[in-house]
Amino acid sequence: MALTLDVGGIAVDVIRKDIKNVHLSVYPPTGRVRLVAPERMTLDTIRLFAISKLAWIKQQQKKLREQERESRREYLDRESHYVWGKRFLLKVVEGRRA
């Protein structure tokens, strides 16, 4: 069962599962918030938990917004790309594919 709560102007996706503890996550790059709660918790308790963690959520979202993003790749000749932890320079070969 999934629903969305508005907590302090932040949309929180709530998912209920057969688990013991509450899991709160903030996902990059947009700062989407997801709260996974036990099925036995009432909606009011879930809302109170989210409100109590509002400062932490805003702090995490701010951290994600300020994080440097990798520049958009244009796939030009000698453009560097990281693959399996190593840096490689791209060599563009134009042609038709058979």
Protein backbone atom coordinates (compact mmCIF):
# COMPACT_ATOMS: atom_id res chain seq x y z
CA MET A 1 0.00 0.00 0.00
CA ALA A 2 1.58 3.30 -1.12
CA LEU A 3 0.40 6.84 -0.43
CA THR A 4 1.85 10.35 -0.35
CA LEU A 5 1.85 12.62 2.70
CA ASP A 6 2.54 16.35 2.64
CA VAL A 7 4.75 17.13 5.61
CA GLY A 8 5.88 20.74 5.93
CA GLY A 9 5.62 21.28 2.18
CA ILE A 10 7.61 18.13 1.39
CA ALA A 11 5.99 15.17 -0.36
CA VAL A 12 6.75 11.95 1.49
CA ASP A 13 6.01 8.65 -0.28
CA VAL A 14 4.79 6.19 2.36
CA ILE A 15 5.00 2.46 1.76
CA ARG A 16 3.67 -0.03 4.28
CA LYS A 17 5.30 -3.45 4.58
CA ASP A 18 5.49 -6.36 6.97
CA ILE A 19 8.67 -5.09 8.69
CA LYS A 20 9.73 -4.21 12.25
CA ASN A 21 11.29 -0.76 11.91
CA VAL A 22 10.67 2.48 10.04
CA HIS A 23 13.05 3.32 7.18
CA LEU A 24 13.39 6.93 6.03
CA SER A 25 15.37 7.73 2.87
CA VAL A 26 16.17 10.81 0.80
CA TYR A 27 17.16 9.96 -2.78
CA PRO A 28 19.42 11.91 -5.16
CA PRO A 29 19.37 13.91 -7.39
CA THR A 30 16.00 15.54 -6.62
CA GLY A 31 15.78 14.78 -2.89
CA ARG A 32 12.72 12.54 -3.16
CA VAL A 33 11.66 11.30 0.29
CA ARG A 34 10.48 7.74 0.97
CA LEU A 35 9.30 6.34 4.28
CA VAL A 36 8.76 2.60 4.66
CA ALA A 37 6.70 1.77 7.74
CA PRO A 38 5.34 -1.38 9.38
CA GLU A 39 1.76 -2.24 8.44
CA ARG A 40 0.69 -2.06 12.09
CA MET A 41 1.59 1.67 12.41
CA THR A 42 -1.30 4.10 12.17
CA LEU A 43 -1.22 6.94 9.66
CA ASP A 44 -1.07 9.50 12.50
CA THR A 45 2.00 7.81 13.99
CA ILE A 46 3.67 7.77 10.58
CA ARG A 47 2.90 11.47 10.11
CA LEU A 48 4.31 12.31 13.56
CA PHE A 49 7.49 10.35 12.79
CA ALA A 50 7.94 12.24 9.50
CA ILE A 51 7.38 15.59 11.25
CA SER A 52 9.93 14.71 13.92
CA LYS A 53 12.52 14.02 11.18
CA LEU A 54 11.69 17.13 9.13
CA ALA A 55 14.92 18.95 10.03
CA TRP A 56 16.99 15.91 9.01
CA ILE A 57 15.08 15.59 5.72
CA LYS A 58 15.67 19.26 4.86
CA GLN A 59 19.36 18.94 5.77
CA GLN A 60 19.75 15.91 3.46
CA GLN A 61 17.91 17.66 0.61
CA LYS A 62 20.13 20.73 1.00
CA LYS A 63 23.23 18.51 0.92
CA LEU A 64 22.02 16.87 -2.31
CA ARG A 65 21.23 20.24 -3.94
CA GLU A 66 24.71 21.58 -3.14
CA GLN A 67 26.48 18.45 -4.36
CA GLU A 68 28.50 18.84 -7.54
CA ARG A 69 27.07 17.06 -10.54
CA GLU A 70 29.09 15.54 -13.34
CA SER A 71 28.91 17.60 -16.51
CA ARG A 72 26.74 16.39 -19.35
CA ARG A 73 28.72 14.34 -21.88
CA GLU A 74 28.73 15.32 -25.54
CA TYR A 75 30.68 12.28 -26.80
CA LEU A 76 33.44 14.25 -28.49
CA ASP A 77 36.81 12.91 -29.54
CA ARG A 78 39.26 12.64 -26.59
CA GLU A 79 36.49 13.26 -24.04
CA SER A 80 37.31 11.42 -20.80
CA HIS A 81 35.01 8.75 -19.37
CA TYR A 82 35.40 6.62 -16.28
CA VAL A 83 34.67 2.91 -16.71
CA TRP A 84 35.25 0.36 -13.92
CA GLY A 85 37.23 2.94 -11.93
CA LYS A 86 39.66 3.82 -14.73
CA ARG A 87 39.79 6.90 -16.95
CA PHE A 88 39.58 6.35 -20.70
CA LEU A 89 39.70 8.84 -23.56
CA LEU A 90 36.96 8.45 -26.11
CA LYS A 91 37.83 7.97 -29.76
CA VAL A 92 34.91 8.79 -32.05
CA VAL A 93 34.73 6.72 -35.22
CA GLU A 94 31.90 7.71 -37.53
CA GLY A 95 30.54 5.25 -40.02
CA ARG A 96 27.62 3.08 -40.94
CA ARG A 97 26.79 0.02 -38.98
CA ALA A 98 26.07 -3.11 -40.97
